[in-house]
Protein backbone atom coordinates (compact mmCIF):
# COMPACT_ATOMS: atom_id res chain seq x y z
CA UNK A 1 -12.66 -25.70 28.72
CA UNK A 2 -11.16 -23.93 31.81
CA UNK A 3 -12.29 -20.14 33.02
CA UNK A 4 -9.01 -19.02 32.05
CA UNK A 5 -8.63 -20.17 28.64
CA UNK A 6 -12.38 -18.80 28.18
CA UNK A 7 -11.07 -15.48 28.97
CA UNK A 8 -7.78 -15.62 26.96
CA UNK A 9 -10.47 -15.86 24.09
CA UNK A 10 -12.39 -13.09 25.43
CA UNK A 11 -9.30 -11.25 25.87
CA UNK A 12 -8.20 -12.01 21.94
CA UNK A 13 -11.48 -11.24 21.05
CA UNK A 14 -11.58 -8.07 22.11
CA UNK A 15 -8.07 -7.42 20.56
CA UNK A 16 -6.36 -7.42 23.92
CA UNK A 17 -2.87 -9.43 23.22
CA UNK A 18 -2.18 -10.88 26.64
CA UNK A 19 0.19 -13.48 24.95
CA UNK A 20 2.25 -14.38 21.99
CA UNK A 21 1.81 -17.83 22.14
CA UNK A 22 -1.62 -19.97 22.39
CA UNK A 23 -1.42 -23.26 24.44
CA UNK A 24 -2.57 -26.48 22.84
CA UNK A 25 -5.26 -26.44 25.01
CA UNK A 26 -6.29 -22.91 24.36
CA UNK A 27 -5.63 -23.91 20.25
CA UNK A 28 -7.66 -26.91 20.89
CA UNK A 29 -10.54 -24.87 22.50
CA UNK A 30 -10.22 -21.77 19.33
CA UNK A 31 -10.58 -24.88 16.33
CA UNK A 32 -13.08 -27.13 18.69
CA UNK A 33 -10.43 -29.94 18.12
CA UNK A 34 -10.22 -32.43 21.16
CA UNK A 35 -6.83 -31.78 23.04
CA UNK A 36 -5.18 -35.29 21.41
CA UNK A 37 -6.20 -34.14 17.59
CA UNK A 38 -4.89 -31.14 18.04
CA UNK A 39 -1.35 -32.15 19.49
CA UNK A 40 -1.33 -34.94 16.29
CA UNK A 41 -1.93 -32.00 14.33
CA UNK A 42 0.88 -30.24 16.03
CA UNK A 43 3.38 -33.12 16.22
CA UNK A 44 3.24 -33.39 12.73
CA UNK A 45 3.46 -30.06 11.42
CA UNK A 46 -0.09 -29.49 10.35
CA UNK A 47 -0.47 -26.74 13.15
CA UNK A 48 2.32 -24.64 13.01
CA UNK A 49 4.00 -24.66 16.74
CA UNK A 50 7.16 -24.69 18.37
CA UNK A 51 8.71 -27.25 20.97
CA UNK A 52 10.34 -25.17 23.79
CA UNK A 53 11.14 -26.92 27.33
CA UNK A 54 9.43 -29.81 26.35
CA UNK A 55 6.17 -27.82 26.10
CA UNK A 56 4.40 -27.03 22.61
CA UNK A 57 3.59 -23.52 21.88
CA UNK A 58 1.56 -21.94 18.71
CA UNK A 59 2.89 -18.53 17.88
CA UNK A 60 -0.27 -16.89 18.02
CA UNK A 61 0.62 -14.25 14.42
CA UNK A 62 1.57 -17.68 12.32
CA UNK A 63 -1.06 -19.60 13.67
CA UNK A 64 -3.25 -16.77 12.67
CA UNK A 65 -1.95 -16.69 9.13
CA UNK A 66 -1.92 -20.32 8.51
CA UNK A 67 -5.63 -20.32 9.47
CA UNK A 68 -6.82 -17.47 7.32
CA UNK A 69 -4.86 -19.48 4.42
CA UNK A 70 -6.50 -22.67 5.19
CA UNK A 71 -9.57 -23.72 3.02
CA UNK A 72 -11.75 -26.18 4.07
CA UNK A 73 -10.72 -29.46 2.32
CA UNK A 74 -7.22 -28.45 3.51
CA UNK A 75 -8.65 -28.88 6.94
CA UNK A 76 -10.74 -31.92 6.12
CA UNK A 77 -7.69 -33.61 4.89
CA UNK A 78 -5.55 -33.05 7.64
CA UNK A 79 -7.82 -34.09 10.05
CA UNK A 80 -8.59 -37.34 8.24
CA UNK A 81 -5.01 -38.14 7.94
CA UNK A 82 -4.09 -37.86 11.14
CA UNK A 83 -7.59 -40.03 12.10
CA UNK A 84 -6.35 -42.99 10.11
CA UNK A 85 -2.81 -42.27 11.03
CA UNK A 86 -3.99 -42.81 14.69
CA UNK A 87 -6.60 -45.74 13.93
CA UNK A 88 -4.27 -47.48 11.46
CA UNK A 89 -6.61 -47.13 8.87
CA UNK A 90 -6.90 -45.03 5.68
CA UNK A 91 -4.29 -45.66 2.37
CA UNK A 92 -1.29 -47.38 2.23
CA UNK A 93 1.95 -46.60 0.19
């Protein structure tokens, strides 16, 4: 994790709104997921995000609404499905 990411997380925890969006790397750090898994969840629409000029951004307000509404089972299901697709395992239709 870069010092910039740590500073942004600390600022957010202190209630300082430094930007309206998170980067995928910041989101990965907040969720303690790998960058690859986070990108997969963003591309699949699991994590609310927008692609702007070829760059994914995660609106902070929507992210926190999504996170607060997420259950443990939802998170586990999303990660399992993402890993299954990445490895070609899991149930096939």
